[in-house]
Amino acid sequence: MNLKIRKDLAYRRIAGEVFIVDAAKSELHELNGPAALIWEGLAVGKAEKAMLSALTAEYEVDEKTARTDLENFIRELLKAGLLSREPV
């Protein structure tokens, strides 16, 4: 996937939700459910296949739905500037 979370972001899981603090932009992002699972997977460098397996197991969705959710959320993170693509 070659994706990297910005180094200046802080995040923490509280009561089942993930909160991302972007101090540079004075923004707080709240993630729940699949978005939190994906974010934490990206944070530890999980492979796409591992994240898809986690999504299908945790949320009882088929792989196609999990892949669509993963791709859409990654697009949102890239657009928001919270994530970047590393050169291959």
C-alpha atoms as a PDB file:
ATOM      1  CA  MET A   1       0.000   0.000   0.000  1.00  0.00           C
ATOM      2  CA  ASN A   2       2.968   2.336   0.681  1.00  0.00           C
ATOM      3  CA  LEU A   3       0.891   4.688   2.823  1.00  0.00           C
ATOM      4  CA  LYS A   4       2.223   6.787   5.674  1.00  0.00           C
ATOM      5  CA  ILE A   5       0.439   8.665   8.440  1.00  0.00           C
ATOM      6  CA  ARG A   6       1.739  12.193   8.977  1.00  0.00           C
ATOM      7  CA  LYS A   7       4.296  12.195  11.776  1.00  0.00           C
ATOM      8  CA  ASP A   8       2.895  15.291  13.478  1.00  0.00           C
ATOM      9  CA  LEU A   9      -0.513  13.722  14.181  1.00  0.00           C
ATOM     10  CA  ALA A  10      -1.491  12.320  17.555  1.00  0.00           C
ATOM     11  CA  TYR A  11      -4.220   9.729  18.007  1.00  0.00           C
ATOM     12  CA  ARG A  12      -5.784   7.784  20.827  1.00  0.00           C
ATOM     13  CA  ARG A  13      -8.573   5.235  21.249  1.00  0.00           C
ATOM     14  CA  ILE A  14     -11.149   6.291  23.834  1.00  0.00           C
ATOM     15  CA  ALA A  15     -14.331   4.316  24.525  1.00  0.00           C
ATOM     16  CA  GLY A  16     -14.144   2.424  21.226  1.00  0.00           C
ATOM     17  CA  GLU A  17     -13.508   5.473  19.056  1.00  0.00           C
ATOM     18  CA  VAL A  18     -10.261   6.860  17.679  1.00  0.00           C
ATOM     19  CA  PHE A  19      -9.556  10.570  17.939  1.00  0.00           C
ATOM     20  CA  ILE A  20      -6.915  12.132  15.696  1.00  0.00           C
ATOM     21  CA  VAL A  21      -5.461  15.502  16.654  1.00  0.00           C
ATOM     22  CA  ASP A  22      -4.060  17.631  13.853  1.00  0.00           C
ATOM     23  CA  ALA A  23      -2.509  20.462  15.863  1.00  0.00           C
ATOM     24  CA  ALA A  24      -1.103  22.169  12.745  1.00  0.00           C
ATOM     25  CA  LYS A  25      -4.629  22.708  11.409  1.00  0.00           C
ATOM     26  CA  SER A  26      -6.337  22.902  14.824  1.00  0.00           C
ATOM     27  CA  GLU A  27      -8.559  19.978  13.832  1.00  0.00           C
ATOM     28  CA  LEU A  28      -9.902  16.975  15.704  1.00  0.00           C
ATOM     29  CA  HIS A  29     -11.091  13.967  13.713  1.00  0.00           C
ATOM     30  CA  GLU A  30     -13.304  11.318  15.287  1.00  0.00           C
ATOM     31  CA  LEU A  31     -13.269   7.812  13.831  1.00  0.00           C
ATOM     32  CA  ASN A  32     -15.509   4.964  14.842  1.00  0.00           C
ATOM     33  CA  GLY A  33     -16.141   1.456  13.586  1.00  0.00           C
ATOM     34  CA  PRO A  34     -14.363   0.435  10.406  1.00  0.00           C
ATOM     35  CA  ALA A  35     -12.557   3.780  10.083  1.00  0.00           C
ATOM     36  CA  ALA A  36     -10.901   3.305  13.491  1.00  0.00           C
ATOM     37  CA  LEU A  37      -9.897  -0.250  12.608  1.00  0.00           C
ATOM     38  CA  ILE A  38      -8.342   0.920   9.331  1.00  0.00           C
ATOM     39  CA  TRP A  39      -6.519   3.852  10.966  1.00  0.00           C
ATOM     40  CA  GLU A  40      -4.982   1.636  13.630  1.00  0.00           C
ATOM     41  CA  GLY A  41      -3.994  -0.874  10.959  1.00  0.00           C
ATOM     42  CA  LEU A  42      -2.254   1.855   8.976  1.00  0.00           C
ATOM     43  CA  ALA A  43      -0.538   3.114  12.136  1.00  0.00           C
ATOM     44  CA  VAL A  44       1.137  -0.251  12.752  1.00  0.00           C
ATOM     45  CA  GLY A  45       1.874  -0.939   9.093  1.00  0.00           C
ATOM     46  CA  LYS A  46      -0.621  -3.748   8.542  1.00  0.00           C
ATOM     47  CA  ALA A  47      -0.875  -5.081   5.025  1.00  0.00           C
ATOM     48  CA  GLU A  48      -4.036  -4.473   3.014  1.00  0.00           C
ATOM     49  CA  LYS A  49      -4.938  -8.161   3.167  1.00  0.00           C
ATOM     50  CA  ALA A  50      -4.724  -8.172   6.979  1.00  0.00           C
ATOM     51  CA  MET A  51      -6.957  -5.107   7.230  1.00  0.00           C
ATOM     52  CA  LEU A  52      -9.479  -6.663   4.859  1.00  0.00           C
ATOM     53  CA  SER A  53      -9.536  -9.832   6.973  1.00  0.00           C
ATOM     54  CA  ALA A  54     -10.056  -7.777  10.129  1.00  0.00           C
ATOM     55  CA  LEU A  55     -12.899  -5.809   8.539  1.00  0.00           C
ATOM     56  CA  THR A  56     -14.704  -8.905   7.262  1.00  0.00           C
ATOM     57  CA  ALA A  57     -14.360 -10.659  10.631  1.00  0.00           C
ATOM     58  CA  GLU A  58     -15.282  -7.703  12.844  1.00  0.00           C
ATOM     59  CA  TYR A  59     -18.159  -6.301  10.778  1.00  0.00           C
ATOM     60  CA  GLU A  60     -19.403  -9.455   9.048  1.00  0.00           C
ATOM     61  CA  VAL A  61     -19.193  -7.978   5.555  1.00  0.00           C
ATOM     62  CA  ASP A  62     -17.964  -9.617   2.382  1.00  0.00           C
ATOM     63  CA  GLU A  63     -14.504  -8.862   1.033  1.00  0.00           C
ATOM     64  CA  LYS A  64     -15.824  -6.670  -1.796  1.00  0.00           C
ATOM     65  CA  THR A  65     -17.625  -4.397   0.690  1.00  0.00           C
ATOM     66  CA  ALA A  66     -14.579  -4.321   2.979  1.00  0.00           C
ATOM     67  CA  ARG A  67     -12.302  -3.417   0.052  1.00  0.00           C
ATOM     68  CA  THR A  68     -14.634  -0.619  -1.055  1.00  0.00           C
ATOM     69  CA  ASP A  69     -14.762   0.769   2.496  1.00  0.00           C
ATOM     70  CA  LEU A  70     -10.975   0.565   2.817  1.00  0.00           C
ATOM     71  CA  GLU A  71     -10.328   2.278  -0.518  1.00  0.00           C
ATOM     72  CA  ASN A  72     -12.902   5.027   0.137  1.00  0.00           C
ATOM     73  CA  PHE A  73     -11.531   5.784   3.588  1.00  0.00           C
ATOM     74  CA  ILE A  74      -7.947   5.890   2.348  1.00  0.00           C
ATOM     75  CA  ARG A  75      -9.037   8.337  -0.358  1.00  0.00           C
ATOM     76  CA  GLU A  76     -10.630  10.525   2.347  1.00  0.00           C
ATOM     77  CA  LEU A  77      -7.464  10.421   4.466  1.00  0.00           C
ATOM     78  CA  LEU A  78      -5.310  11.372   1.479  1.00  0.00           C
ATOM     79  CA  LYS A  79      -7.656  14.221   0.565  1.00  0.00           C
ATOM     80  CA  ALA A  80      -7.620  15.494   4.172  1.00  0.00           C
ATOM     81  CA  GLY A  81      -3.811  15.404   4.170  1.00  0.00           C
ATOM     82  CA  LEU A  82      -3.651  12.971   7.096  1.00  0.00           C
ATOM     83  CA  LEU A  83      -2.012  10.288   4.986  1.00  0.00           C
ATOM     84  CA  SER A  84       0.473  10.301   2.136  1.00  0.00           C
ATOM     85  CA  ARG A  85       1.767   7.800  -0.394  1.00  0.00           C
ATOM     86  CA  GLU A  86       5.406   6.842  -0.069  1.00  0.00           C
ATOM     87  CA  PRO A  87       7.423   6.386  -3.247  1.00  0.00           C
ATOM     88  CA  VAL A  88       7.917   2.753  -4.222  1.00  0.00           C
END
